[in-house]
Each structure stands twice: as C-alpha cells, then as structure tokens.
C-alpha cells in the first residue's frame, strides 16, 4: 500500500516525526519505518489500552499502559512459543521424510521381467 497510489512500495521517511494519538494524547514518534505502519501500531496500542481500561475500570494512564504492555508481551511470548512448536513439528516431519526416502533408496529396486 502506498501513500502516493502510484506504486506498491511503502512510503519511507528518514527519521520522520509521526504524530499518533493514544488514549486521547498525541505523541510525536520518531520513526524510520513506513508512516502507515507506525500509525497501525499506534491504533493497536490505543485499542489494547482502551479495552484494558474499560475492562478494569481504570482510567489512570500509567496503570493502563503497564497492563497493556504486559498483555502485549504475553501475546508475543505465546506467539513465539507457537512458532517454536510449529518449527519443531516441521523439523520432526522433515526428518521422518528424509528417513523414509533414505530407506527406500537403500532397498533394492525390482525390475519388470523382460518380455
């Protein structure tokens, strides 16, 4: 997705200050990433903080931010664990396939009798 609409490359700016709004507060974030990406991150954090604030009845920004950070860290750790488990399963399956292939290559081949 591009800001110009002329190509599919993201718009990058060197150390741009990107204004983002989180919990009603505007922050200028220095970013070398695509501006749309930074805005998406800010929306994610804002949504997470609002959800936690609503669920806990807490309006104290620092407490909500800490709870949101813990929640996001939990999601990250669980996603990394799922990825590690998936990688381990994939390696085990590849090992099984290699073993099967090696076994079949060691077995003598049967040829059809000549007619």
PDB file of N, CA and C in Angstrom:
ATOM      1  N   UNK A   1       0.845  -1.173   0.000  1.00  0.00           N
ATOM      2  CA  UNK A   1       0.000   0.000   0.000  1.00  0.00           C
ATOM      3  C   UNK A   1       0.884   1.228   0.000  1.00  0.00           C
ATOM      4  N   UNK A   2       0.591   2.167  -0.802  1.00  0.00           N
ATOM      5  CA  UNK A   2       1.422   3.355  -0.862  1.00  0.00           C
ATOM      6  C   UNK A   2       0.592   4.597  -0.634  1.00  0.00           C
ATOM      7  N   UNK A   3       1.258   5.633  -0.153  1.00  0.00           N
ATOM      8  CA  UNK A   3       0.566   6.894   0.075  1.00  0.00           C
ATOM      9  C   UNK A   3       0.297   7.600  -1.243  1.00  0.00           C
ATOM     10  N   UNK A   4       1.174   7.399  -2.225  1.00  0.00           N
ATOM     11  CA  UNK A   4       1.018   8.101  -3.495  1.00  0.00           C
ATOM     12  C   UNK A   4       0.016   7.413  -4.415  1.00  0.00           C
ATOM     13  N   UNK A   5      -0.175   6.098  -4.218  1.00  0.00           N
ATOM     14  CA  UNK A   5      -1.085   5.354  -5.072  1.00  0.00           C
ATOM     15  C   UNK A   5      -0.456   4.987  -6.406  1.00  0.00           C
ATOM     16  N   UNK A   6       0.796   5.414  -6.677  1.00  0.00           N
ATOM     17  CA  UNK A   6       1.446   5.149  -7.957  1.00  0.00           C
ATOM     18  C   UNK A   6       2.161   3.811  -7.996  1.00  0.00           C
ATOM     19  N   UNK A   7       2.609   3.335  -6.820  1.00  0.00           N
ATOM     20  CA  UNK A   7       3.266   2.036  -6.774  1.00  0.00           C
ATOM     21  C   UNK A   7       2.949   1.364  -5.455  1.00  0.00           C
ATOM     22  N   UNK A   8       3.416   0.124  -5.298  1.00  0.00           N
ATOM     23  CA  UNK A   8       3.089  -0.633  -4.097  1.00  0.00           C
ATOM     24  C   UNK A   8       4.148  -0.519  -3.013  1.00  0.00           C
ATOM     25  N   UNK A   9       5.160   0.303  -3.204  1.00  0.00           N
ATOM     26  CA  UNK A   9       6.211   0.435  -2.207  1.00  0.00           C
ATOM     27  C   UNK A   9       5.745   1.351  -1.079  1.00  0.00           C
ATOM     28  N   UNK A  10       6.035   0.945   0.192  1.00  0.00           N
ATOM     29  CA  UNK A  10       5.654   1.812   1.305  1.00  0.00           C
ATOM     30  C   UNK A  10       6.451   3.118   1.278  1.00  0.00           C
ATOM     31  N   UNK A  11       5.826   4.165   1.764  1.00  0.00           N
ATOM     32  CA  UNK A  11       6.495   5.456   1.827  1.00  0.00           C
ATOM     33  C   UNK A  11       7.374   5.453   3.058  1.00  0.00           C
ATOM     34  N   UNK A  12       8.658   5.670   2.867  1.00  0.00           N
ATOM     35  CA  UNK A  12       9.592   5.724   3.980  1.00  0.00           C
ATOM     36  C   UNK A  12      10.148   7.124   4.092  1.00  0.00           C
ATOM     37  N   UNK A  13      10.359   7.514   5.305  1.00  0.00           N
ATOM     38  CA  UNK A  13      10.935   8.816   5.582  1.00  0.00           C
ATOM     39  C   UNK A  13      12.088   8.613   6.546  1.00  0.00           C
ATOM     40  N   UNK A  14      13.141   9.378   6.386  1.00  0.00           N
ATOM     41  CA  UNK A  14      14.274   9.265   7.286  1.00  0.00           C
ATOM     42  C   UNK A  14      13.948   9.987   8.586  1.00  0.00           C
ATOM     43  N   UNK A  15      13.838   9.216   9.649  1.00  0.00           N
ATOM     44  CA  UNK A  15      13.604   9.738  10.984  1.00  0.00           C
ATOM     45  C   UNK A  15      12.504  10.789  11.025  1.00  0.00           C
ATOM     46  N   UNK A  16      11.353  10.486  10.460  1.00  0.00           N
ATOM     47  CA  UNK A  16      10.221  11.394  10.476  1.00  0.00           C
ATOM     48  C   UNK A  16       9.586  11.422  11.857  1.00  0.00           C
ATOM     49  N   UNK A  17       8.998  12.547  12.203  1.00  0.00           N
ATOM     50  CA  UNK A  17       8.184  12.630  13.408  1.00  0.00           C
ATOM     51  C   UNK A  17       6.745  12.367  12.982  1.00  0.00           C
ATOM     52  N   UNK A  18       6.202  11.289  13.477  1.00  0.00           N
ATOM     53  CA  UNK A  18       4.849  10.877  13.110  1.00  0.00           C
ATOM     54  C   UNK A  18       3.934  11.140  14.295  1.00  0.00           C
ATOM     55  N   UNK A  19       2.936  11.997  14.137  1.00  0.00           N
ATOM     56  CA  UNK A  19       2.002  12.205  15.241  1.00  0.00           C
ATOM     57  C   UNK A  19       1.013  11.040  15.326  1.00  0.00           C
ATOM     58  N   UNK A  20       0.879  10.475  16.523  1.00  0.00           N
ATOM     59  CA  UNK A  20      -0.072   9.397  16.755  1.00  0.00           C
ATOM     60  C   UNK A  20      -0.890   9.738  18.005  1.00  0.00           C
ATOM     61  N   UNK A  21      -2.114   9.253  18.042  1.00  0.00           N
ATOM     62  CA  UNK A  21      -2.985   9.514  19.193  1.00  0.00           C
ATOM     63  C   UNK A  21      -3.252   8.202  19.907  1.00  0.00           C
ATOM     64  N   UNK A  22      -2.923   8.179  21.201  1.00  0.00           N
ATOM     65  CA  UNK A  22      -3.158   7.007  22.044  1.00  0.00           C
ATOM     66  C   UNK A  22      -3.847   7.489  23.313  1.00  0.00           C
ATOM     67  N   UNK A  23      -5.010   6.936  23.565  1.00  0.00           N
ATOM     68  CA  UNK A  23      -5.802   7.311  24.742  1.00  0.00           C
ATOM     69  C   UNK A  23      -6.030   8.819  24.825  1.00  0.00           C
ATOM     70  N   UNK A  24      -6.291   9.424  23.675  1.00  0.00           N
ATOM     71  CA  UNK A  24      -6.599  10.846  23.639  1.00  0.00           C
ATOM     72  C   UNK A  24      -5.395  11.764  23.706  1.00  0.00           C
ATOM     73  N   UNK A  25      -4.212  11.215  23.841  1.00  0.00           N
ATOM     74  CA  UNK A  25      -2.986  12.006  23.908  1.00  0.00           C
ATOM     75  C   UNK A  25      -2.230  11.883  22.589  1.00  0.00           C
ATOM     76  N   UNK A  26      -1.731  12.994  22.081  1.00  0.00           N
ATOM     77  CA  UNK A  26      -0.952  12.968  20.850  1.00  0.00           C
ATOM     78  C   UNK A  26       0.523  12.856  21.199  1.00  0.00           C
ATOM     79  N   UNK A  27       1.182  11.928  20.530  1.00  0.00           N
ATOM     80  CA  UNK A  27       2.620  11.709  20.712  1.00  0.00           C
ATOM     81  C   UNK A  27       3.277  11.835  19.344  1.00  0.00           C
ATOM     82  N   UNK A  28       4.432  12.466  19.308  1.00  0.00           N
ATOM     83  CA  UNK A  28       5.209  12.519  18.074  1.00  0.00           C
ATOM     84  C   UNK A  28       6.298  11.464  18.192  1.00  0.00           C
ATOM     85  N   UNK A  29       6.189  10.479  17.327  1.00  0.00           N
ATOM     86  CA  UNK A  29       7.094   9.335  17.363  1.00  0.00           C
ATOM     87  C   UNK A  29       8.114   9.479  16.248  1.00  0.00           C
ATOM     88  N   UNK A  30       9.390   9.444  16.613  1.00  0.00           N
ATOM     89  CA  UNK A  30      10.443   9.475  15.605  1.00  0.00           C
ATOM     90  C   UNK A  30      10.532   8.080  15.020  1.00  0.00           C
ATOM     91  N   UNK A  31      10.375   7.989  13.707  1.00  0.00           N
ATOM     92  CA  UNK A  31      10.306   6.675  13.076  1.00  0.00           C
ATOM     93  C   UNK A  31      11.002   6.661  11.735  1.00  0.00           C
ATOM     94  N   UNK A  32      11.689   5.560  11.493  1.00  0.00           N
ATOM     95  CA  UNK A  32      12.320   5.336  10.193  1.00  0.00           C
ATOM     96  C   UNK A  32      11.489   4.354   9.378  1.00  0.00           C
ATOM     97  N   UNK A  33      10.409   3.844   9.952  1.00  0.00           N
ATOM     98  CA  UNK A  33       9.530   2.894   9.275  1.00  0.00           C
ATOM     99  C   UNK A  33       8.503   3.639   8.442  1.00  0.00           C
ATOM    100  N   UNK A  34       7.738   2.874   7.708  1.00  0.00           N
ATOM    101  CA  UNK A  34       6.617   3.378   6.926  1.00  0.00           C
ATOM    102  C   UNK A  34       5.636   4.073   7.874  1.00  0.00           C
ATOM    103  N   UNK A  35       5.195   5.246   7.535  1.00  0.00           N
ATOM    104  CA  UNK A  35       4.296   6.027   8.379  1.00  0.00           C
ATOM    105  C   UNK A  35       3.008   5.252   8.658  1.00  0.00           C
ATOM    106  N   UNK A  36       2.445   4.612   7.651  1.00  0.00           N
ATOM    107  CA  UNK A  36       1.210   3.838   7.836  1.00  0.00           C
ATOM    108  C   UNK A  36       1.420   2.720   8.854  1.00  0.00           C
ATOM    109  N   UNK A  37       2.600   2.128   8.857  1.00  0.00           N
ATOM    110  CA  UNK A  37       2.916   1.062   9.821  1.00  0.00           C
ATOM    111  C   UNK A  37       2.934   1.621  11.240  1.00  0.00           C
ATOM    112  N   UNK A  38       3.557   2.766  11.421  1.00  0.00           N
ATOM    113  CA  UNK A  38       3.617   3.405  12.738  1.00  0.00           C
ATOM    114  C   UNK A  38       2.205   3.754  13.208  1.00  0.00           C
ATOM    115  N   UNK A  39       1.385   4.257  12.309  1.00  0.00           N
ATOM    116  CA  UNK A  39       0.004   4.597  12.656  1.00  0.00           C
ATOM    117  C   UNK A  39      -0.789   3.343  13.035  1.00  0.00           C
ATOM    118  N   UNK A  40      -0.526   2.249  12.329  1.00  0.00           N
ATOM    119  CA  UNK A  40      -1.200   0.991  12.645  1.00  0.00           C
ATOM    120  C   UNK A  40      -0.792   0.498  14.032  1.00  0.00           C
ATOM    121  N   UNK A  41       0.498   0.598  14.352  1.00  0.00           N
ATOM    122  CA  UNK A  41       0.963   0.212  15.682  1.00  0.00           C
ATOM    123  C   UNK A  41       0.276   1.049  16.760  1.00  0.00           C
ATOM    124  N   UNK A  42       0.183   2.341  16.519  1.00  0.00           N
ATOM    125  CA  UNK A  42      -0.443   3.241  17.497  1.00  0.00           C
ATOM    126  C   UNK A  42      -1.919   2.878  17.682  1.00  0.00           C
ATOM    127  N   UNK A  43      -2.621   2.562  16.595  1.00  0.00           N
ATOM    128  CA  UNK A  43      -4.026   2.154  16.707  1.00  0.00           C
ATOM    129  C   UNK A  43      -4.152   0.869  17.514  1.00  0.00           C
ATOM    130  N   UNK A  44      -3.233  -0.050  17.299  1.00  0.00           N
ATOM    131  CA  UNK A  44      -3.241  -1.304  18.042  1.00  0.00           C
ATOM    132  C   UNK A  44      -3.066  -1.041  19.536  1.00  0.00           C
ATOM    133  N   UNK A  45      -2.073  -0.226  19.874  1.00  0.00           N
ATOM    134  CA  UNK A  45      -1.814   0.094  21.284  1.00  0.00           C
ATOM    135  C   UNK A  45      -3.001   0.837  21.889  1.00  0.00           C
ATOM    136  N   UNK A  46      -3.551   1.789  21.141  1.00  0.00           N
ATOM    137  CA  UNK A  46      -4.708   2.552  21.618  1.00  0.00           C
ATOM    138  C   UNK A  46      -5.883   1.615  21.895  1.00  0.00           C
ATOM    139  N   UNK A  47      -6.165   0.713  20.976  1.00  0.00           N
ATOM    140  CA  UNK A  47      -7.270  -0.233  21.158  1.00  0.00           C
ATOM    141  C   UNK A  47      -7.028  -1.123  22.369  1.00  0.00           C
ATOM    142  N   UNK A  48      -5.797  -1.622  22.489  1.00  0.00           N
ATOM    143  CA  UNK A  48      -5.455  -2.503  23.615  1.00  0.00           C
ATOM    144  C   UNK A  48      -5.627  -1.757  24.935  1.00  0.00           C
ATOM    145  N   UNK A  49      -5.140  -0.526  24.984  1.00  0.00           N
ATOM    146  CA  UNK A  49      -5.239   0.254  26.223  1.00  0.00           C
ATOM    147  C   UNK A  49      -6.694   0.579  26.546  1.00  0.00           C
ATOM    148  N   UNK A  50      -7.479   0.951  25.563  1.00  0.00           N
ATOM    149  CA  UNK A  50      -8.895   1.263  25.806  1.00  0.00           C
ATOM    150  C   UNK A  50      -9.649   0.030  26.281  1.00  0.00           C
ATOM    151  N   UNK A  51      -9.365  -1.119  25.675  1.00  0.00           N
ATOM    152  CA  UNK A  51     -10.016  -2.373  26.073  1.00  0.00           C
ATOM    153  C   UNK A  51      -9.683  -2.706  27.526  1.00  0.00           C
ATOM    154  N   UNK A  52      -8.421  -2.585  27.886  1.00  0.00           N
ATOM    155  CA  UNK A  52      -7.994  -2.891  29.253  1.00  0.00           C
ATOM    156  C   UNK A  52      -8.559  -1.857  30.229  1.00  0.00           C
ATOM    157  N   UNK A  53      -8.539  -0.603  29.834  1.00  0.00           N
ATOM    158  CA  UNK A  53      -9.104   0.440  30.691  1.00  0.00           C
ATOM    159  C   UNK A  53     -10.581   0.196  30.958  1.00  0.00           C
ATOM    160  N   UNK A  54     -11.320  -0.167  29.914  1.00  0.00           N
ATOM    161  CA  UNK A  54     -12.754  -0.450  30.071  1.00  0.00           C
ATOM    162  C   UNK A  54     -12.982  -1.680  30.945  1.00  0.00           C
ATOM    163  N   UNK A  55     -12.172  -2.729  30.728  1.00  0.00           N
ATOM    164  CA  UNK A  55     -12.346  -3.981  31.468  1.00  0.00           C
ATOM    165  C   UNK A  55     -12.013  -3.831  32.947  1.00  0.00           C
ATOM    166  N   UNK A  56     -11.032  -2.988  33.264  1.00  0.00           N
ATOM    167  CA  UNK A  56     -10.602  -2.844  34.660  1.00  0.00           C
ATOM    168  C   UNK A  56     -11.254  -1.653  35.350  1.00  0.00           C
ATOM    169  N   UNK A  57     -11.861  -0.786  34.564  1.00  0.00           N
ATOM    170  CA  UNK A  57     -12.445   0.419  35.143  1.00  0.00           C
ATOM    171  C   UNK A  57     -11.388   1.426  35.560  1.00  0.00           C
ATOM    172  N   UNK A  58     -10.182   1.234  35.090  1.00  0.00           N
ATOM    173  CA  UNK A  58      -9.065   2.112  35.428  1.00  0.00           C
ATOM    174  C   UNK A  58      -8.895   3.163  34.350  1.00  0.00           C
ATOM    175  N   UNK A  59      -8.759   4.403  34.771  1.00  0.00           N
ATOM    176  CA  UNK A  59      -8.523   5.463  33.796  1.00  0.00           C
ATOM    177  C   UNK A  59      -7.127   6.058  33.955  1.00  0.00           C
ATOM    178  N   UNK A  60      -6.371   5.552  34.925  1.00  0.00           N
ATOM    179  CA  UNK A  60      -5.009   6.024  35.149  1.00  0.00           C
ATOM    180  C   UNK A  60      -4.124   5.532  34.008  1.00  0.00           C
ATOM    181  N   UNK A  61      -3.606   6.448  33.222  1.00  0.00           N
ATOM    182  CA  UNK A  61      -2.853   6.105  32.012  1.00  0.00           C
ATOM    183  C   UNK A  61      -1.675   5.180  32.284  1.00  0.00           C
ATOM    184  N   UNK A  62      -0.921   5.445  33.342  1.00  0.00           N
ATOM    185  CA  UNK A  62       0.255   4.627  33.620  1.00  0.00           C
ATOM    186  C   UNK A  62      -0.139   3.188  33.932  1.00  0.00           C
ATOM    187  N   UNK A  63      -1.158   3.005  34.766  1.00  0.00           N
ATOM    188  CA  UNK A  63      -1.598   1.642  35.093  1.00  0.00           C
ATOM    189  C   UNK A  63      -2.114   0.929  33.849  1.00  0.00           C
ATOM    190  N   UNK A  64      -2.903   1.624  33.060  1.00  0.00           N
ATOM    191  CA  UNK A  64      -3.444   1.021  31.830  1.00  0.00           C
ATOM    192  C   UNK A  64      -2.298   0.672  30.887  1.00  0.00           C
ATOM    193  N   UNK A  65      -1.312   1.551  30.766  1.00  0.00           N
ATOM    194  CA  UNK A  65      -0.170   1.298  29.876  1.00  0.00           C
ATOM    195  C   UNK A  65       0.622   0.078  30.341  1.00  0.00           C
ATOM    196  N   UNK A  66       0.830  -0.057  31.649  1.00  0.00           N
ATOM    197  CA  UNK A  66       1.575  -1.205  32.170  1.00  0.00           C
ATOM    198  C   UNK A  66       0.795  -2.493  31.927  1.00  0.00           C
ATOM    199  N   UNK A  67      -0.514  -2.470  32.190  1.00  0.00           N
ATOM    200  CA  UNK A  67      -1.330  -3.656  31.939  1.00  0.00           C
ATOM    201  C   UNK A  67      -1.363  -4.000  30.449  1.00  0.00           C
ATOM    202  N   UNK A  68      -1.448  -2.988  29.600  1.00  0.00           N
ATOM    203  CA  UNK A  68      -1.430  -3.231  28.151  1.00  0.00           C
ATOM    204  C   UNK A  68      -0.086  -3.811  27.730  1.00  0.00           C
ATOM    205  N   UNK A  69       0.999  -3.278  28.271  1.00  0.00           N
ATOM    206  CA  UNK A  69       2.332  -3.794  27.940  1.00  0.00           C
ATOM    207  C   UNK A  69       2.464  -5.252  28.359  1.00  0.00           C
ATOM    208  N   UNK A  70       1.969  -5.592  29.545  1.00  0.00           N
ATOM    209  CA  UNK A  70       2.011  -6.989  29.990  1.00  0.00           C
ATOM    210  C   UNK A  70       1.169  -7.880  29.087  1.00  0.00           C
ATOM    211  N   UNK A  71       0.006  -7.394  28.698  1.00  0.00           N
ATOM    212  CA  UNK A  71      -0.874  -8.149  27.818  1.00  0.00           C
ATOM    213  C   UNK A  71      -0.228  -8.374  26.454  1.00  0.00           C
ATOM    214  N   UNK A  72       0.363  -7.336  25.894  1.00  0.00           N
ATOM    215  CA  UNK A  72       1.030  -7.439  24.588  1.00  0.00           C
ATOM    216  C   UNK A  72       2.243  -8.363  24.687  1.00  0.00           C
ATOM    217  N   UNK A  73       3.007  -8.274  25.796  1.00  0.00           N
ATOM    218  CA  UNK A  73       4.154  -9.164  25.989  1.00  0.00           C
ATOM    219  C   UNK A  73       3.696 -10.612  26.079  1.00  0.00           C
ATOM    220  N   UNK A  74       2.575 -10.852  26.763  1.00  0.00           N
ATOM    221  CA  UNK A  74       2.012 -12.201  26.864  1.00  0.00           C
ATOM    222  C   UNK A  74       1.655 -12.731  25.480  1.00  0.00           C
ATOM    223  N   UNK A  75       0.988 -11.911  24.670  1.00  0.00           N
ATOM    224  CA  UNK A  75       0.633 -12.316  23.315  1.00  0.00           C
ATOM    225  C   UNK A  75       1.881 -12.637  22.495  1.00  0.00           C
ATOM    226  N   UNK A  76       2.912 -11.801  22.622  1.00  0.00           N
ATOM    227  CA  UNK A  76       4.163 -12.024  21.898  1.00  0.00           C
ATOM    228  C   UNK A  76       4.817 -13.334  22.316  1.00  0.00           C
ATOM    229  N   UNK A  77       4.931 -13.566  23.630  1.00  0.00           N
ATOM    230  CA  UNK A  77       5.571 -14.786  24.126  1.00  0.00           C
ATOM    231  C   UNK A  77       4.808 -16.020  23.658  1.00  0.00           C
ATOM    232  N   UNK A  78       3.478 -15.977  23.699  1.00  0.00           N
ATOM    233  CA  UNK A  78       2.684 -17.125  23.263  1.00  0.00           C
ATOM    234  C   UNK A  78       2.833 -17.356  21.769  1.00  0.00           C
ATOM    235  N   UNK A  79       2.879 -16.287  20.987  1.00  0.00           N
ATOM    236  CA  UNK A  79       3.072 -16.425  19.538  1.00  0.00           C
ATOM    237  C   UNK A  79       4.445 -17.019  19.231  1.00  0.00           C
ATOM    238  N   UNK A  80       5.463 -16.577  19.964  1.00  0.00           N
ATOM    239  CA  UNK A  80       6.808 -17.125  19.762  1.00  0.00           C
ATOM    240  C   UNK A  80       6.849 -18.604  20.134  1.00  0.00           C
ATOM    241  N   UNK A  81       6.155 -18.981  21.215  1.00  0.00           N
ATOM    242  CA  UNK A  81       6.107 -20.386  21.627  1.00  0.00           C
ATOM    243  C   UNK A  81       5.404 -21.230  20.570  1.00  0.00           C
ATOM    244  N   UNK A  82       4.293 -20.714  20.017  1.00  0.00           N
ATOM    245  CA  UNK A  82       3.595 -21.440  18.943  1.00  0.00           C
ATOM    246  C   UNK A  82       4.514 -21.614  17.732  1.00  0.00           C
ATOM    247  N   UNK A  83       5.275 -20.565  17.416  1.00  0.00           N
ATOM    248  CA  UNK A  83       6.192 -20.641  16.269  1.00  0.00           C
ATOM    249  C   UNK A  83       7.278 -21.677  16.520  1.00  0.00           C
ATOM    250  N   UNK A  84       7.835 -21.692  17.747  1.00  0.00           N
ATOM    251  CA  UNK A  84       8.865 -22.687  18.072  1.00  0.00           C
ATOM    252  C   UNK A  84       8.300 -24.098  17.975  1.00  0.00           C
ATOM    253  N   UNK A  85       7.086 -24.294  18.504  1.00  0.00           N
ATOM    254  CA  UNK A  85       6.453 -25.619  18.448  1.00  0.00           C
ATOM    255  C   UNK A  85       6.208 -26.033  17.007  1.00  0.00           C
ATOM    256  N   UNK A  86       5.734 -25.097  16.203  1.00  0.00           N
ATOM    257  CA  UNK A  86       5.480 -25.373  14.792  1.00  0.00           C
ATOM    258  C   UNK A  86       6.779 -25.736  14.079  1.00  0.00           C
ATOM    259  N   UNK A  87       7.845 -24.988  14.375  1.00  0.00           N
ATOM    260  CA  UNK A  87       9.148 -25.277  13.771  1.00  0.00           C
ATOM    261  C   UNK A  87       9.632 -26.669  14.165  1.00  0.00           C
ATOM    262  N   UNK A  88       9.446 -27.031  15.439  1.00  0.00           N
ATOM    263  CA  UNK A  88       9.880 -28.347  15.910  1.00  0.00           C
ATOM    264  C   UNK A  88       9.097 -29.460  15.220  1.00  0.00           C
ATOM    265  N   UNK A  89       7.792 -29.243  15.049  1.00  0.00           N
ATOM    266  CA  UNK A  89       6.970 -30.233  14.353  1.00  0.00           C
ATOM    267  C   UNK A  89       7.405 -30.373  12.907  1.00  0.00           C
ATOM    268  N   UNK A  90       7.720 -29.265  12.275  1.00  0.00           N
ATOM    269  CA  UNK A  90       8.165 -29.284  10.883  1.00  0.00           C
ATOM    270  C   UNK A  90       9.494 -30.021  10.749  1.00  0.00           C
ATOM    271  N   UNK A  91      10.426 -29.765  11.653  1.00  0.00           N
ATOM    272  CA  UNK A  91      11.727 -30.442  11.619  1.00  0.00           C
ATOM    273  C   UNK A  91      11.535 -31.937  11.819  1.00  0.00           C
ATOM    274  N   UNK A  92      10.670 -32.321  12.752  1.00  0.00           N
ATOM    275  CA  UNK A  92      10.420 -33.747  13.002  1.00  0.00           C
ATOM    276  C   UNK A  92       9.826 -34.410  11.760  1.00  0.00           C
ATOM    277  N   UNK A  93       8.902 -33.739  11.095  1.00  0.00           N
ATOM    278  CA  UNK A  93       8.276 -34.292   9.883  1.00  0.00           C
ATOM    279  C   UNK A  93       9.292 -34.422   8.747  1.00  0.00           C
ATOM    280  N   UNK A  94      10.142 -33.418   8.580  1.00  0.00           N
ATOM    281  CA  UNK A  94      11.183 -33.473   7.554  1.00  0.00           C
ATOM    282  C   UNK A  94      12.138 -34.630   7.853  1.00  0.00           C
ATOM    283  N   UNK A  95      12.506 -34.801   9.124  1.00  0.00           N
ATOM    284  CA  UNK A  95      13.384 -35.911   9.495  1.00  0.00           C
ATOM    285  C   UNK A  95      12.748 -37.254   9.138  1.00  0.00           C
ATOM    286  N   UNK A  96      11.439 -37.390   9.397  1.00  0.00           N
ATOM    287  CA  UNK A  96      10.730 -38.629   9.050  1.00  0.00           C
ATOM    288  C   UNK A  96      10.760 -38.865   7.545  1.00  0.00           C
ATOM    289  N   UNK A  97      10.517 -37.820   6.779  1.00  0.00           N
ATOM    290  CA  UNK A  97      10.501 -37.954   5.325  1.00  0.00           C
ATOM    291  C   UNK A  97      11.891 -38.299   4.782  1.00  0.00           C
ATOM    292  N   UNK A  98      12.919 -37.688   5.332  1.00  0.00           N
ATOM    293  CA  UNK A  98      14.290 -37.987   4.900  1.00  0.00           C
ATOM    294  C   UNK A  98      14.622 -39.441   5.219  1.00  0.00           C
ATOM    295  N   UNK A  99      14.233 -39.880   6.410  1.00  0.00           N
ATOM    296  CA  UNK A  99      14.493 -41.269   6.791  1.00  0.00           C
ATOM    297  C   UNK A  99      13.763 -42.239   5.851  1.00  0.00           C
ATOM    298  N   UNK A 100      12.525 -41.943   5.536  1.00  0.00           N
ATOM    299  CA  UNK A 100      11.751 -42.784   4.619  1.00  0.00           C
ATOM    300  C   UNK A 100      12.396 -42.808   3.233  1.00  0.00           C
ATOM    301  N   UNK A 101      12.820 -41.657   2.762  1.00  0.00           N
ATOM    302  CA  UNK A 101      13.460 -41.558   1.452  1.00  0.00           C
ATOM    303  C   UNK A 101      14.778 -42.330   1.436  1.00  0.00           C
ATOM    304  N   UNK A 102      15.587 -42.149   2.479  1.00  0.00           N
ATOM    305  CA  UNK A 102      16.867 -42.871   2.537  1.00  0.00           C
ATOM    306  C   UNK A 102      16.641 -44.378   2.583  1.00  0.00           C
ATOM    307  N   UNK A 103      15.629 -44.807   3.338  1.00  0.00           N
ATOM    308  CA  UNK A 103      15.319 -46.236   3.430  1.00  0.00           C
ATOM    309  C   UNK A 103      14.914 -46.787   2.063  1.00  0.00           C
ATOM    310  N   UNK A 104      14.074 -46.013   1.363  1.00  0.00           N
ATOM    311  CA  UNK A 104      13.621 -46.505   0.054  1.00  0.00           C
ATOM    312  C   UNK A 104      14.767 -46.526  -0.954  1.00  0.00           C
ATOM    313  N   UNK A 105      15.741 -45.645  -0.808  1.00  0.00           N
ATOM    314  CA  UNK A 105      16.887 -45.632  -1.718  1.00  0.00           C
ATOM    315  C   UNK A 105      17.839 -46.791  -1.430  1.00  0.00           C
ATOM    316  N   UNK A 106      17.860 -47.268  -0.179  1.00  0.00           N
ATOM    317  CA  UNK A 106      18.723 -48.399   0.178  1.00  0.00           C
ATOM    318  C   UNK A 106      18.144 -49.729  -0.266  1.00  0.00           C
ATOM    319  N   UNK A 107      16.824 -49.804  -0.411  1.00  0.00           N
ATOM    320  CA  UNK A 107      16.174 -51.060  -0.793  1.00  0.00           C
ATOM    321  C   UNK A 107      16.460 -51.353  -2.264  1.00  0.00           C
ATOM    322  N   UNK A 108      16.699 -52.640  -2.582  1.00  0.00           N
ATOM    323  CA  UNK A 108      16.930 -52.975  -3.991  1.00  0.00           C
ATOM    324  C   UNK A 108      15.659 -52.717  -4.797  1.00  0.00           C
ATOM    325  N   UNK A 109      15.846 -52.258  -5.991  1.00  0.00           N
ATOM    326  CA  UNK A 109      14.693 -51.982  -6.844  1.00  0.00           C
ATOM    327  C   UNK A 109      14.290 -53.254  -7.575  1.00  0.00           C
ATOM    328  N   UNK A 110      13.016 -53.374  -7.784  1.00  0.00           N
ATOM    329  CA  UNK A 110      12.513 -54.528  -8.534  1.00  0.00           C
ATOM    330  C   UNK A 110      12.268 -54.058  -9.960  1.00  0.00           C
ATOM    331  N   UNK A 111      12.742 -54.858 -10.894  1.00  0.00           N
ATOM    332  CA  UNK A 111      12.517 -54.515 -12.308  1.00  0.00           C
ATOM    333  C   UNK A 111      11.528 -55.497 -12.882  1.00  0.00           C
ATOM    334  N   UNK A 112      10.829 -55.073 -13.879  1.00  0.00           N
ATOM    335  CA  UNK A 112       9.857 -55.936 -14.559  1.00  0.00           C
ATOM    336  C   UNK A 112      10.618 -56.994 -15.353  1.00  0.00           C
ATOM    337  N   UNK A 113      10.075 -58.226 -15.401  1.00  0.00           N
ATOM    338  CA  UNK A 113      10.741 -59.234 -16.225  1.00  0.00           C
ATOM    339  C   UNK A 113      10.654 -58.846 -17.709  1.00  0.00           C
ATOM    340  N   UNK A 114      11.690 -59.204 -18.434  1.00  0.00           N
ATOM    341  CA  UNK A 114      11.734 -58.863 -19.863  1.00  0.00           C
ATOM    342  C   UNK A 114      10.708 -59.699 -20.606  1.00  0.00           C
ATOM    343  N   UNK A 115      10.097 -59.132 -21.571  1.00  0.00           N
ATOM    344  CA  UNK A 115       9.085 -59.833 -22.349  1.00  0.00           C
ATOM    345  C   UNK A 115       9.686 -60.422 -23.588  1.00  0.00           C
TER     346      UNK A 115
END
